[in-house]
Each structure stands twice: as C-alpha cells, then as structure tokens.
C-alpha cells in the first residue's frame, strides 16, 4: 500500500519546525562563540557570519536553503521566543489537552 500525500498545512508545519530547530542551533553556536576567549588578533564571528554558516551547513546536509536573519538570532539569544512558541501560548488548549482530545477522537472512531 502506498503512502498518503502530505497536506500543504502539514508541509508548512514541518518547515516551521525545521526553521525553528535551525534557529535554536544558530543561537547555541552564537552563545558558545560569545563565551569563548580569543587570543589577541583574533575576532569573534559576527551574528551575520554565524547565520550564514548555519544556513550553509543546513543546505549541505539537507539540500534546502533556509536563510536566517542576524537580528532574529540576536533577539533569540537575548531570550526572545519563536513565532511557534508565541502562538502556542495563545492557544486555548495545552499540548497535553490537545493530544488527549485527539486520542479520544481516534478511540471513538474505532
């Protein structure tokens, strides 16, 4: 039996998760870079360079280019939240409640 095609909404959710994961990875690299001590004459990589490097590494690994904005990187490094997290806080249901309702609906359908 063949696989079912993914809906456009599911594809968008997968892409949003991939972008969020890449942002988290870039922030981790940025914070590690800021904590390092460099010998005289060497400079820390800028947020622009870290975004470019993270985007290039992701492209090499997956074949999909996801551009990252250096201002967004700096905002997240200072404790900002992603769009997904912000929208999740506005939801009427928590993730656990959502999963419980979906599981109940599946059980009732069988």
Foldseek 3Di string as FASTA:
>chain_A
DDDDDDDPVVVVVVVVVVLVVLLVVLLVVVVVQVPDDDDPPDDGDALQVSQVVSQVVVCVVPVDGDGDDSVVSVCVNVPDDDPVVVVQVVDPDHPVVVVVVVVVVVVVVD
